[in-house]
Amino acid sequence: MTPDPQVSGDSRTSPPEATSTGAASAQSSGREGTGRRAADVAREALRAARDDARRAREETEREGARRRRRARQSAVDDRAAAARRAAGDAPGRDARDVGQLLSGAFLMPDLRDTDSDDHEPTPGRADRPARDPSAPSSAPVAPAPPLAPPATSAARTPPPSGTPRSMAAPTRDNELRRTFPPLPPRDGDRFAESWWGNAWVEALEQGALDVKRLERGRGYAGQGHVDAITVTPGLVLAYVQGSRPRPYRVQVHLRTLDDTDWDRFLDAAADRPGHIAALLDKEMPQSLAECGVPLLPGPGDLEPRCSCPDRGHPCKHAAALCYQTARLLDADPFVLLLLRGRGERELLDALSRLSATRAARAAQDKGPAPLPGVRAAEVLASRALAPLPAPLPPLAHPEQPPAYPAAPGGPDPFALDQLATDAAARAHALLGTGRDPVGQLTFWQDAVRLAAARPGSGLTAGTRALYKSLASAAGRTTSELARAVAAWRQGGLEGLAVLEEPWDPPAGRFDRARPLLLAADLPAFRPWRNHLTHPRGHVQLRLGRDGLWYAYESEPGHDDWWPRGTPDLDPVGALTGLGVPGDL
């Protein structure tokens, strides 16, 4: 059948919808061949478009690969030129330095940092451009930008800000796994303070084969290059920052104890309660560490392993970890027990059970104690008590108190001496007479008594300080205290009462005093209550309730009376101590 030209032209120039429509309308006429040729044309066009897209993608990938090769070759050429310049500037430089300069020239660049030390980036993976999973397979892929040359040992780039500062995992800690945060930097070469921490350091240093590596390890530890430390039975693990950007994974192995050793250790700890108390206080008793169980490591017991290429025993990174472990042992000796195979809670529970078992066994073996008491017949039986021994005779006088040295911020030694002397005098009087002579005194009377017991009358600095403190405590002035001290020294408590308490005496002795004074060629004294005052106002007699006359003196024209002389039953005799009666 010959196709219709008009239909054929429409099938070539019309869109697929029109072609389909035309094919459907011509189906009744038997024109099925025209529809099949249009589908073939569409398939061929789609196949050609897919081939063009594949060739464009391959060309883009080849162009990106050529750019990366040129960038890497440029970096290698730059390093080689730098090495030639360095060799030309210093002809005698060691070849090892040049090798170190070119050590990173042929490394594949790594654009992503990893947290695990076991995982290394796959070579060439960083060179591949990222593909969007939502993009169609025929879309061209953008070439990756040229990669920067890898950093050398002389100039390293810091890790990205998103990289964690610590590789430890404290969330995984349990009874047999403890993670300690990085210890702060520390000055000085002494890393251990306790004797068990020093024993750990001694085991490290005696088993080391190179002193230089130990010195560098101490420097790393002191500068804070050791990351968080994880302790498990038989293993200490940490990452140590060395000269490269990537830290090294360091392990220190130590043999764990078997059940027999642990039983012997628990028995030694339970024998003495002080051992358990010391462990709870984070201390390791030396007697417990020397109970026959190899608790502390000896020379050669520490087995370090490090991911660095150094094969020293130990390398500087392992030495730094060992020195930092000594600081952990100082703070908590249970770290050493965990290294030997047992956790802190497990040990304390075992010690508690063992102590309780021993206490129960001891109580069972001891048996019941006999009940205290005596027989009723013995209690009710009459018996004569032995006479008390005769009391010892009292001493003639109290002893002197000891000397009290002065101390900054301490009590006044003078005041202590005063109180001790007064207490000894009162105790001596109570022992000899059975009563306290000053037990009924008021505060003011006791203050006057204490001041009067001090020799002198305020001439020395110590006496003035005593007068000032006593007067301030009693609410009086220093002059009032000095006058009261003179009255106390004149007649004791009664003399103080004559000074401070005027009273009206009954007729008799007071009335007979004035004729006696006149008979002694003395002028007529002016009476006022219990006072007899000289007409010129410089001498006065006061009658006490004890019947004695007390003499007082004052400046003429001033009412400032001070006790003078000795009390006497005769008023003329009381004035005799002040001078000749004719001079009055």
Protein backbone atom coordinates (compact mmCIF):
# COMPACT_ATOMS: atom_id res chain seq x y z
CA MET A 1 0.00 0.00 0.00
CA THR A 2 1.27 3.44 -0.97
CA PRO A 3 1.03 6.03 1.86
CA ASP A 4 -0.87 9.21 1.40
CA PRO A 5 1.53 12.12 0.83
CA GLN A 6 -0.56 14.47 2.90
CA VAL A 7 -0.69 12.06 5.79
CA SER A 8 3.01 11.37 5.56
CA GLY A 9 3.83 15.05 5.65
CA ASP A 10 1.64 15.59 8.69
CA SER A 11 3.27 12.73 10.53
CA ARG A 12 6.73 14.22 10.06
CA THR A 13 5.86 17.79 10.90
CA SER A 14 3.12 17.45 13.54
CA PRO A 15 3.82 16.90 17.22
CA PRO A 16 3.47 13.43 18.75
CA GLU A 17 -0.06 14.17 19.95
CA ALA A 18 -1.19 15.10 16.45
CA THR A 19 0.51 12.00 15.04
CA SER A 20 -1.22 9.81 17.54
CA THR A 21 -4.52 11.41 16.76
CA GLY A 22 -3.93 10.99 13.04
CA ALA A 23 -2.95 7.39 13.53
CA ALA A 24 -6.12 6.78 15.48
CA SER A 25 -8.28 8.42 12.80
CA ALA A 26 -6.55 6.50 10.02
CA GLN A 27 -6.85 3.18 11.82
CA SER A 28 -10.05 2.41 9.99
CA SER A 29 -8.36 3.09 6.63
CA GLY A 30 -5.56 0.60 7.33
CA ARG A 31 -2.69 3.17 7.56
CA GLU A 32 -0.83 1.50 10.48
CA GLY A 33 2.62 1.73 8.88
CA THR A 34 2.78 5.51 9.22
CA GLY A 35 2.36 5.27 13.05
CA ARG A 36 5.24 2.80 13.40
CA ARG A 37 7.68 4.98 11.47
CA ALA A 38 6.92 8.00 13.72
CA ALA A 39 7.74 5.93 16.88
CA ASP A 40 11.02 4.83 15.34
CA VAL A 41 11.95 8.44 14.66
CA ALA A 42 11.21 9.41 18.31
CA ARG A 43 13.29 6.54 19.65
CA GLU A 44 16.23 7.45 17.46
CA ALA A 45 16.03 11.11 18.61
CA LEU A 46 15.97 10.08 22.29
CA ARG A 47 18.93 7.75 21.80
CA ALA A 48 20.94 10.50 20.10
CA ALA A 49 20.20 12.97 22.92
CA ARG A 50 21.35 10.38 25.53
CA ASP A 51 24.60 9.78 23.63
CA ASP A 52 25.30 13.50 23.45
CA ALA A 53 24.76 13.87 27.20
CA ARG A 54 27.12 10.93 27.94
CA ARG A 55 29.84 12.37 25.72
CA ALA A 56 29.47 15.79 27.42
CA ARG A 57 29.74 14.19 30.91
CA GLU A 58 32.81 12.18 29.94
CA GLU A 59 34.45 15.25 28.49
CA THR A 60 33.72 17.20 31.72
CA GLU A 61 35.20 14.42 33.87
CA ARG A 62 38.32 14.25 31.68
CA GLU A 63 38.73 18.02 31.95
CA GLY A 64 38.42 17.87 35.76
CA ALA A 65 40.97 15.05 35.96
CA ARG A 66 43.40 17.04 33.79
CA ARG A 67 43.01 20.07 36.11
CA ARG A 68 43.68 17.98 39.23
CA ARG A 69 46.74 16.38 37.67
CA ARG A 70 48.07 19.80 36.74
CA ALA A 71 47.46 21.07 40.32
CA ARG A 72 49.26 18.09 41.89
CA GLN A 73 52.14 18.35 39.45
CA SER A 74 52.42 22.08 40.21
CA ALA A 75 52.57 21.32 43.97
CA VAL A 76 55.29 18.70 43.40
CA ASP A 77 57.28 21.11 41.22
CA ASP A 78 57.00 23.83 43.87
CA ARG A 79 58.30 21.49 46.58
CA ALA A 80 61.13 20.28 44.42
CA ALA A 81 62.12 23.88 43.63
CA ALA A 82 62.00 24.75 47.34
CA ALA A 83 64.21 21.75 48.10
CA ARG A 84 66.71 22.78 45.41
CA ARG A 85 66.79 26.32 46.78
CA ALA A 86 67.30 25.05 50.32
CA ALA A 87 70.09 22.76 49.16
CA GLY A 88 71.74 25.65 47.27
CA ASP A 89 71.60 27.97 50.34
CA ALA A 90 73.10 25.38 52.71
CA PRO A 91 75.31 22.91 50.79
CA GLY A 92 76.28 21.08 53.97
CA ARG A 93 72.71 20.41 55.17
CA ASP A 94 71.95 16.87 56.14
CA ALA A 95 70.00 14.81 53.58
CA ARG A 96 67.59 13.85 56.35
CA ASP A 97 66.32 17.46 56.51
CA VAL A 98 65.64 17.50 52.77
CA GLY A 99 63.81 14.20 53.08
CA GLN A 100 61.71 15.61 55.89
CA LEU A 101 60.89 18.66 53.74
CA LEU A 102 59.68 16.41 50.89
CA SER A 103 57.95 13.87 53.13
CA GLY A 104 54.47 15.18 52.35
CA ALA A 105 54.99 15.87 48.63
CA PHE A 106 53.52 12.57 47.39
CA LEU A 107 50.71 12.18 49.94
CA MET A 108 47.15 12.18 48.70
CA PRO A 109 45.28 15.27 49.97
CA ASP A 110 42.69 14.66 52.69
CA LEU A 111 39.81 17.12 52.96
CA ARG A 112 38.05 15.49 55.92
CA ASP A 113 39.38 14.79 59.42
CA THR A 114 38.28 11.62 61.16
CA ASP A 115 37.85 11.01 64.87
CA SER A 116 39.01 7.40 64.93
CA ASP A 117 42.69 6.60 64.73
CA ASP A 118 41.90 3.25 63.12
CA HIS A 119 40.20 4.77 60.03
CA GLU A 120 42.32 6.18 57.18
CA PRO A 121 40.78 8.11 54.25
CA THR A 122 40.51 6.12 51.02
CA PRO A 123 43.06 7.39 48.43
CA GLY A 124 41.40 9.32 45.67
CA ARG A 125 38.03 9.59 47.40
CA ALA A 126 38.55 13.26 48.14
CA ASP A 127 39.21 13.89 44.42
CA ARG A 128 35.76 12.83 43.36
CA PRO A 129 33.19 15.61 42.95
CA ALA A 130 30.04 15.39 45.02
CA ARG A 131 26.97 14.19 43.11
CA ASP A 132 23.49 15.41 43.90
CA PRO A 133 21.26 12.32 44.28
CA SER A 134 18.23 14.28 43.02
CA ALA A 135 19.92 15.27 39.75
CA PRO A 136 19.14 13.19 36.61
CA SER A 137 21.74 10.73 35.37
CA SER A 138 22.27 12.71 32.18
CA ALA A 139 23.05 16.00 33.98
CA PRO A 140 26.67 17.08 33.66
CA VAL A 141 28.74 17.00 36.87
CA ALA A 142 30.69 20.13 37.84
CA PRO A 143 34.42 19.55 38.07
CA ALA A 144 36.01 19.71 41.55
CA PRO A 145 38.20 22.73 42.28
CA PRO A 146 41.95 22.23 42.37
CA LEU A 147 43.13 20.77 45.66
CA ALA A 148 45.53 22.67 47.93
CA PRO A 149 48.90 21.01 48.45
CA PRO A 150 49.17 18.95 51.69
CA ALA A 151 50.72 20.69 54.67
CA THR A 152 54.30 19.90 55.56
CA SER A 153 55.79 19.46 59.02
CA ALA A 154 57.02 23.07 58.95
CA ALA A 155 53.57 24.66 58.38
CA ARG A 156 50.43 22.75 59.34
CA THR A 157 46.85 23.90 59.15
CA PRO A 158 44.76 23.61 62.33
CA PRO A 159 41.87 21.15 62.36
CA PRO A 160 38.45 22.51 61.43
CA SER A 161 36.36 24.06 64.19
CA GLY A 162 33.83 21.23 64.10
CA THR A 163 36.41 18.58 65.05
CA PRO A 164 35.93 17.49 68.72
CA ARG A 165 38.78 18.49 71.01
CA SER A 166 38.75 15.12 72.81
CA MET A 167 38.51 11.61 71.38
CA ALA A 168 37.32 10.08 74.67
CA ALA A 169 33.83 8.71 75.17
CA PRO A 170 32.89 9.22 78.86
CA THR A 171 29.29 8.21 78.14
CA ARG A 172 30.50 4.62 77.78
CA ASP A 173 31.94 4.51 81.31
CA ASN A 174 30.84 1.81 83.73
CA GLU A 175 32.22 -0.07 86.71
CA LEU A 176 35.18 -1.42 84.71
CA ARG A 177 35.75 1.61 82.46
CA ARG A 178 36.58 5.10 83.70
CA THR A 179 37.39 8.15 81.58
CA PHE A 180 39.27 11.08 83.09
CA PRO A 181 39.28 14.53 81.43
CA PRO A 182 42.60 15.98 80.19
CA LEU A 183 44.78 17.09 83.08
CA PRO A 184 45.92 20.72 83.11
CA PRO A 185 49.53 21.61 82.27
CA ARG A 186 51.99 21.31 85.13
CA ASP A 187 55.36 22.93 85.77
CA GLY A 188 58.31 21.02 87.14
CA ASP A 189 59.60 17.47 86.73
CA ARG A 190 57.81 16.00 89.75
CA PHE A 191 54.55 14.42 88.62
CA ALA A 192 53.73 12.27 91.67
CA GLU A 193 53.15 13.37 95.25
CA SER A 194 52.13 10.11 96.93
CA TRP A 195 54.47 7.20 97.53
CA TRP A 196 52.39 4.91 95.27
CA GLY A 197 52.46 7.47 92.46
CA ASN A 198 56.25 7.70 92.81
CA ALA A 199 56.42 3.88 92.69
CA TRP A 200 54.61 4.01 89.33
CA VAL A 201 57.05 6.61 87.99
CA GLU A 202 60.00 4.58 89.30
CA ALA A 203 58.75 1.47 87.49
CA LEU A 204 58.48 3.51 84.27
CA GLU A 205 61.94 5.07 84.54
CA GLN A 206 63.73 1.87 85.57
CA GLY A 207 62.24 -0.04 82.65
CA ALA A 208 62.98 2.69 80.06
CA LEU A 209 65.78 2.23 77.54
CA ASP A 210 66.29 5.85 76.55
CA VAL A 211 66.48 8.75 79.00
CA LYS A 212 66.01 11.31 76.21
CA ARG A 213 62.58 9.92 75.36
CA LEU A 214 61.58 10.11 79.03
CA GLU A 215 62.59 13.78 79.14
CA ARG A 216 60.54 14.56 76.03
CA GLY A 217 57.62 12.59 77.48
CA ARG A 218 57.79 14.68 80.66
CA GLY A 219 57.71 17.78 78.50
CA TYR A 220 54.65 16.53 76.59
CA ALA A 221 52.88 15.68 79.84
CA GLY A 222 53.74 19.01 81.46
CA GLN A 223 52.51 20.95 78.42
CA GLY A 224 49.13 19.18 78.39
CA HIS A 225 49.56 17.16 75.16
CA VAL A 226 47.78 14.12 76.65
CA ASP A 227 44.06 13.93 75.88
CA ALA A 228 41.43 12.30 78.11
CA ILE A 229 42.64 9.04 79.70
CA THR A 230 40.53 5.88 79.67
CA VAL A 231 41.34 3.17 82.23
CA THR A 232 40.08 -0.40 81.93
CA PRO A 233 41.36 -3.64 83.51
CA GLY A 234 44.93 -4.10 82.29
CA LEU A 235 44.90 -1.08 79.96
CA VAL A 236 45.44 2.70 79.98
CA LEU A 237 44.42 4.40 76.70
CA ALA A 238 44.78 8.01 75.54
CA TYR A 239 45.53 10.11 72.46
CA VAL A 240 48.75 12.12 72.67
CA GLN A 241 49.41 15.12 70.42
CA GLY A 242 52.84 14.87 68.86
CA SER A 243 54.60 16.87 66.16
CA ARG A 244 51.97 15.97 63.54
CA PRO A 245 48.41 17.33 63.39
CA ARG A 246 46.91 13.90 63.96
CA PRO A 247 47.32 12.64 67.58
CA TYR A 248 48.80 9.22 68.29
CA ARG A 249 46.89 6.41 69.92
CA VAL A 250 48.84 5.24 72.98
CA GLN A 251 48.19 2.18 75.15
CA VAL A 252 49.92 1.00 78.31
CA HIS A 253 49.23 -2.60 79.30
CA LEU A 254 49.58 -4.04 82.80
CA ARG A 255 48.91 -7.60 83.92
CA THR A 256 45.70 -8.11 85.89
CA LEU A 257 45.55 -10.11 89.11
CA ASP A 258 43.90 -13.50 89.34
CA ASP A 259 41.26 -14.53 91.88
CA THR A 260 43.85 -15.95 94.29
CA ASP A 261 45.71 -12.64 94.44
CA TRP A 262 42.47 -10.73 94.97
CA ASP A 263 41.43 -13.03 97.83
CA ARG A 264 44.78 -12.46 99.50
CA PHE A 265 44.44 -8.70 99.01
CA LEU A 266 40.91 -8.63 100.47
CA ASP A 267 42.02 -10.66 103.49
CA ALA A 268 44.86 -8.24 104.18
CA ALA A 269 42.54 -5.22 103.83
CA ALA A 270 39.87 -6.71 106.12
CA ASP A 271 42.40 -7.60 108.84
CA ARG A 272 42.78 -3.96 109.84
CA PRO A 273 39.88 -1.45 109.77
CA GLY A 274 42.41 1.30 109.13
CA HIS A 275 43.08 -0.12 105.67
CA ILE A 276 39.44 0.26 104.65
CA ALA A 277 39.27 3.76 106.10
CA ALA A 278 42.44 4.74 104.19
CA LEU A 279 41.02 3.42 100.91
CA LEU A 280 37.81 5.39 101.46
CA ASP A 281 39.98 8.49 101.99
CA LYS A 282 41.68 7.84 98.61
CA GLU A 283 44.93 6.70 100.20
CA MET A 284 46.95 3.52 99.74
CA PRO A 285 48.55 2.20 102.96
CA GLN A 286 52.05 0.96 102.32
CA SER A 287 51.47 -2.11 104.48
CA LEU A 288 48.50 -3.04 102.26
CA ALA A 289 50.57 -2.67 99.10
CA GLU A 290 53.24 -4.94 100.60
CA CYS A 291 50.91 -7.78 101.62
CA GLY A 292 52.39 -10.20 99.08
CA VAL A 293 50.17 -9.17 96.17
CA PRO A 294 52.02 -7.46 93.26
CA LEU A 295 49.77 -4.40 93.33
CA LEU A 296 52.33 -1.84 92.14
CA PRO A 297 54.20 -2.45 88.88
CA GLY A 298 57.86 -3.29 88.84
CA PRO A 299 60.53 -2.50 86.23
CA GLY A 300 59.42 -3.98 82.92
CA ASP A 301 55.78 -4.59 83.97
CA LEU A 302 54.50 -1.64 81.94
CA GLU A 303 54.04 -2.54 78.25
CA PRO A 304 53.53 0.62 76.15
CA ARG A 305 52.20 0.61 72.60
CA CYS A 306 51.91 3.63 70.33
CA SER A 307 50.74 4.26 66.76
CA CYS A 308 53.79 6.44 66.05
CA PRO A 309 56.69 5.09 63.96
CA ASP A 310 59.10 5.36 66.92
CA ARG A 311 60.05 1.93 68.25
CA GLY A 312 61.59 3.16 71.50
CA HIS A 313 60.68 1.53 74.80
CA PRO A 314 58.82 3.64 75.67
CA CYS A 315 58.40 6.33 73.05
CA LYS A 316 57.88 9.89 74.19
CA HIS A 317 54.11 9.65 73.70
CA ALA A 318 53.81 6.55 75.90
CA ALA A 319 56.09 8.15 78.50
CA ALA A 320 53.82 11.23 78.59
CA LEU A 321 50.78 9.00 79.19
CA CYS A 322 52.58 7.14 82.00
CA TYR A 323 53.53 10.40 83.72
CA GLN A 324 49.93 11.65 83.55
CA THR A 325 48.71 8.30 84.90
CA ALA A 326 50.89 8.88 87.97
CA ARG A 327 48.90 12.07 88.63
CA LEU A 328 45.67 10.06 88.40
CA LEU A 329 47.01 7.55 90.92
CA ASP A 330 47.83 10.41 93.31
CA ALA A 331 44.21 11.54 93.29
CA ASP A 332 42.58 8.09 93.40
CA PRO A 333 44.40 4.79 94.16
CA PHE A 334 41.33 2.90 92.92
CA VAL A 335 42.68 3.65 89.41
CA LEU A 336 45.53 1.25 90.19
CA LEU A 337 43.08 -1.38 91.49
CA LEU A 338 40.99 -0.99 88.32
CA LEU A 339 44.13 -1.50 86.24
CA ARG A 340 44.70 -4.73 88.15
CA GLY A 341 41.20 -5.94 87.30
CA ARG A 342 38.65 -4.84 89.92
CA GLY A 343 36.38 -1.78 90.06
CA GLU A 344 35.91 0.45 93.10
CA ARG A 345 32.31 -0.55 93.88
CA GLU A 346 33.05 -4.25 93.48
CA LEU A 347 36.03 -4.02 95.86
CA LEU A 348 34.15 -2.06 98.52
CA ASP A 349 31.21 -4.46 98.39
CA ALA A 350 33.54 -7.44 98.74
CA LEU A 351 35.33 -5.80 101.69
CA SER A 352 31.98 -5.02 103.36
CA ARG A 353 30.78 -8.62 103.00
CA LEU A 354 34.08 -10.02 104.25
CA SER A 355 34.14 -7.71 107.29
CA ALA A 356 30.53 -8.58 108.17
CA THR A 357 31.26 -12.28 107.87
CA ARG A 358 34.30 -12.05 110.10
CA ALA A 359 32.43 -9.99 112.70
CA ALA A 360 29.56 -12.51 112.77
CA ARG A 361 31.98 -15.42 113.08
CA ALA A 362 33.87 -13.71 115.91
CA ALA A 363 30.64 -12.98 117.78
CA GLN A 364 29.52 -16.59 117.39
CA ASP A 365 32.83 -17.97 118.66
CA LYS A 366 32.90 -15.61 121.63
CA GLY A 367 29.60 -16.76 123.12
CA PRO A 368 27.23 -14.90 125.44
CA ALA A 369 28.81 -12.73 128.10
CA PRO A 370 27.86 -13.31 131.76
CA LEU A 371 25.18 -10.99 133.10
CA PRO A 372 26.49 -8.27 135.45
CA GLY A 373 25.25 -8.13 139.07
CA VAL A 374 25.79 -9.34 142.63
CA ARG A 375 23.88 -11.66 144.92
CA ALA A 376 21.04 -10.16 146.98
CA ALA A 377 22.48 -11.57 150.23
CA GLU A 378 25.72 -9.70 149.64
CA VAL A 379 23.85 -6.47 149.04
CA LEU A 380 21.68 -6.75 152.18
CA ALA A 381 24.49 -7.87 154.48
CA SER A 382 25.53 -5.23 157.04
CA ARG A 383 29.08 -4.07 156.83
CA ALA A 384 31.13 -1.25 158.30
CA LEU A 385 32.71 1.23 155.98
CA ALA A 386 36.38 1.94 156.37
CA PRO A 387 37.14 5.39 157.80
CA LEU A 388 38.19 8.03 155.37
CA PRO A 389 41.86 8.98 155.42
CA ALA A 390 42.83 12.20 157.14
CA PRO A 391 42.97 15.19 154.78
CA LEU A 392 46.35 16.46 153.80
CA PRO A 393 47.45 19.65 155.51
CA PRO A 394 47.01 22.74 153.31
CA LEU A 395 50.03 24.46 151.89
CA ALA A 396 51.39 27.53 153.61
CA HIS A 397 50.77 29.65 150.55
CA PRO A 398 49.73 29.11 146.93
CA GLU A 399 52.41 28.42 144.38
CA GLN A 400 53.35 30.85 141.65
CA PRO A 401 51.59 30.23 138.31
CA PRO A 402 53.67 29.34 135.25
CA ALA A 403 54.83 32.00 132.82
CA TYR A 404 52.66 32.48 129.78
CA PRO A 405 54.51 33.51 126.59
CA ALA A 406 53.08 36.17 124.35
CA ALA A 407 51.80 35.07 120.93
CA PRO A 408 50.54 37.22 118.05
CA GLY A 409 46.75 37.21 118.11
CA GLY A 410 46.68 35.28 121.41
CA PRO A 411 45.50 36.33 124.88
CA ASP A 412 47.38 38.88 126.93
CA PRO A 413 49.98 37.03 129.05
CA PHE A 414 49.68 39.65 131.80
CA ALA A 415 45.93 39.08 132.06
CA LEU A 416 46.43 35.30 132.11
CA ASP A 417 49.00 35.61 134.89
CA GLN A 418 46.63 37.84 136.88
CA LEU A 419 43.71 35.40 136.56
CA ALA A 420 45.86 32.37 137.40
CA THR A 421 47.31 34.04 140.49
CA ASP A 422 43.84 35.05 141.72
CA ALA A 423 42.41 31.56 141.09
CA ALA A 424 45.29 29.98 143.04
CA ALA A 425 44.73 32.35 145.99
CA ARG A 426 41.00 31.66 146.11
CA ALA A 427 41.55 27.91 145.86
CA HIS A 428 44.07 28.05 148.71
CA ALA A 429 41.62 29.98 150.91
CA LEU A 430 38.79 27.58 150.08
CA LEU A 431 40.99 24.58 150.89
CA GLY A 432 42.05 26.01 154.24
CA THR A 433 38.82 27.62 155.48
CA GLY A 434 36.10 25.82 153.54
CA ARG A 435 34.65 29.00 152.06
CA ASP A 436 35.35 31.33 149.20
CA PRO A 437 36.21 34.79 150.53
CA VAL A 438 35.07 36.54 147.37
CA GLY A 439 32.09 34.38 146.46
CA GLN A 440 29.51 37.03 147.46
CA LEU A 441 31.17 40.07 145.89
CA THR A 442 29.50 42.17 143.25
CA PHE A 443 31.10 42.74 139.87
CA TRP A 444 32.43 46.16 140.93
CA GLN A 445 33.76 44.86 144.24
CA ASP A 446 35.51 41.95 142.51
CA ALA A 447 37.05 44.34 139.96
CA VAL A 448 38.37 46.52 142.82
CA ARG A 449 39.75 43.44 144.54
CA LEU A 450 41.57 42.28 141.40
CA ALA A 451 43.07 45.72 140.85
CA ALA A 452 44.12 46.00 144.50
CA ALA A 453 45.89 42.63 144.32
CA ARG A 454 48.21 44.00 141.65
CA PRO A 455 51.27 45.63 143.24
CA GLY A 456 51.75 49.31 142.47
CA SER A 457 49.24 52.02 141.86
CA GLY A 458 49.09 52.42 138.10
CA LEU A 459 52.70 53.50 137.58
CA THR A 460 53.61 50.75 135.11
CA ALA A 461 52.18 50.19 131.65
CA GLY A 462 50.82 46.78 132.61
CA THR A 463 49.06 48.16 135.69
CA ARG A 464 47.55 51.03 133.71
CA ALA A 465 46.26 48.59 131.11
CA LEU A 466 44.69 46.45 133.85
CA TYR A 467 43.03 49.48 135.49
CA LYS A 468 41.67 50.63 132.14
CA SER A 469 40.17 47.26 131.18
CA LEU A 470 38.62 46.67 134.63
CA ALA A 471 37.15 50.18 134.82
CA SER A 472 35.70 49.87 131.30
CA ALA A 473 34.14 46.48 132.13
CA ALA A 474 32.57 47.88 135.35
CA GLY A 475 31.33 51.10 133.72
CA ARG A 476 33.52 53.35 135.91
CA THR A 477 36.42 55.71 135.27
CA THR A 478 40.04 54.92 135.96
CA SER A 479 40.24 57.55 138.74
CA GLU A 480 37.21 56.04 140.46
CA LEU A 481 38.86 52.64 140.32
CA ALA A 482 42.12 54.03 141.73
CA ARG A 483 40.27 55.67 144.66
CA ALA A 484 38.37 52.42 145.33
CA VAL A 485 41.66 50.46 145.25
CA ALA A 486 43.09 52.80 147.91
CA ALA A 487 40.00 52.23 150.10
CA TRP A 488 40.24 48.46 149.60
CA ARG A 489 43.89 48.46 150.60
CA GLN A 490 42.99 50.56 153.64
CA GLY A 491 40.23 48.32 155.03
CA GLY A 492 39.18 45.68 152.51
CA LEU A 493 35.52 45.30 151.73
CA GLU A 494 34.51 47.44 154.74
CA GLY A 495 36.93 50.18 153.64
CA LEU A 496 35.26 50.23 150.20
CA ALA A 497 31.85 50.54 151.89
CA VAL A 498 33.09 53.50 154.02
CA LEU A 499 34.22 55.21 150.79
CA GLU A 500 31.01 54.73 148.86
CA GLU A 501 28.15 54.39 151.44
CA PRO A 502 27.54 57.25 153.94
CA TRP A 503 25.29 56.25 156.84
CA ASP A 504 23.84 57.68 160.07
CA PRO A 505 25.57 56.16 163.10
CA PRO A 506 23.71 55.85 166.42
CA ALA A 507 24.56 58.02 169.44
CA GLY A 508 27.56 56.88 171.40
CA ARG A 509 30.89 56.37 169.76
CA PHE A 510 30.35 59.05 167.14
CA ASP A 511 29.33 61.66 169.78
CA ARG A 512 32.31 60.85 172.02
CA ALA A 513 34.79 61.37 169.17
CA ARG A 514 34.58 65.17 169.10
CA PRO A 515 35.56 65.66 172.82
CA LEU A 516 38.46 63.25 172.31
CA LEU A 517 39.72 65.30 169.38
CA LEU A 518 39.41 68.53 171.38
CA ALA A 519 41.33 66.94 174.25
CA ALA A 520 44.15 66.17 171.80
CA ASP A 521 44.48 69.91 171.01
CA LEU A 522 42.70 69.49 167.67
CA PRO A 523 40.13 71.97 166.41
CA ALA A 524 36.42 71.20 166.47
CA PHE A 525 35.56 68.88 163.53
CA ARG A 526 32.32 69.48 161.61
CA PRO A 527 29.97 66.47 161.75
CA TRP A 528 27.90 65.14 158.76
CA ARG A 529 26.32 61.75 159.01
CA ASN A 530 29.29 59.41 159.72
CA HIS A 531 31.91 62.03 158.67
CA LEU A 532 33.95 64.41 160.88
CA THR A 533 35.72 67.06 158.77
CA HIS A 534 38.56 69.41 159.83
CA PRO A 535 37.52 73.09 159.70
CA ARG A 536 40.19 73.81 157.12
CA GLY A 537 38.82 70.97 154.95
CA HIS A 538 41.97 68.92 154.39
CA VAL A 539 41.47 66.04 156.89
CA GLN A 540 38.41 63.89 157.50
CA LEU A 541 37.45 60.96 159.73
CA ARG A 542 34.79 58.42 158.71
CA LEU A 543 33.23 55.90 161.06
CA GLY A 544 32.73 52.46 159.58
CA ARG A 545 30.05 49.96 160.47
CA ASP A 546 32.77 47.83 162.01
CA GLY A 547 33.43 50.54 164.63
CA LEU A 548 36.76 51.69 163.17
CA TRP A 549 37.71 55.23 162.18
CA TYR A 550 39.08 55.71 158.67
CA ALA A 551 41.19 58.77 157.85
CA TYR A 552 40.87 60.69 154.54
CA GLU A 553 42.84 63.60 153.04
CA SER A 554 42.05 66.23 150.41
CA GLU A 555 43.48 69.40 149.01
CA PRO A 556 42.19 72.45 150.97
CA GLY A 557 39.11 73.85 149.30
CA HIS A 558 38.54 70.70 147.19
CA ASP A 559 36.06 67.94 147.93
CA ASP A 560 38.44 65.22 146.67
CA TRP A 561 38.87 62.77 149.56
CA TRP A 562 41.36 59.88 149.34
CA PRO A 563 41.82 57.19 152.02
CA ARG A 564 45.02 57.56 154.03
CA GLY A 565 46.59 55.77 156.97
CA THR A 566 45.39 52.75 158.94
CA PRO A 567 41.91 52.32 160.52
CA ASP A 568 41.81 52.58 164.35
CA LEU A 569 39.26 52.33 167.15
CA ASP A 570 40.49 55.68 168.51
CA PRO A 571 39.85 58.70 166.25
CA VAL A 572 43.07 60.38 167.44
CA GLY A 573 44.98 57.18 166.65
CA ALA A 574 43.54 57.13 163.12
CA LEU A 575 44.93 60.63 162.57
CA THR A 576 48.31 59.76 164.03
CA GLY A 577 49.36 58.03 160.85
CA LEU A 578 48.91 61.30 158.95
CA GLY A 579 51.38 63.25 161.08
CA VAL A 580 51.69 64.94 164.47
CA PRO A 581 48.29 66.09 165.76
CA GLY A 582 49.71 69.54 166.44
CA ASP A 583 50.47 69.95 162.73
CA LEU A 584 46.83 69.48 161.81
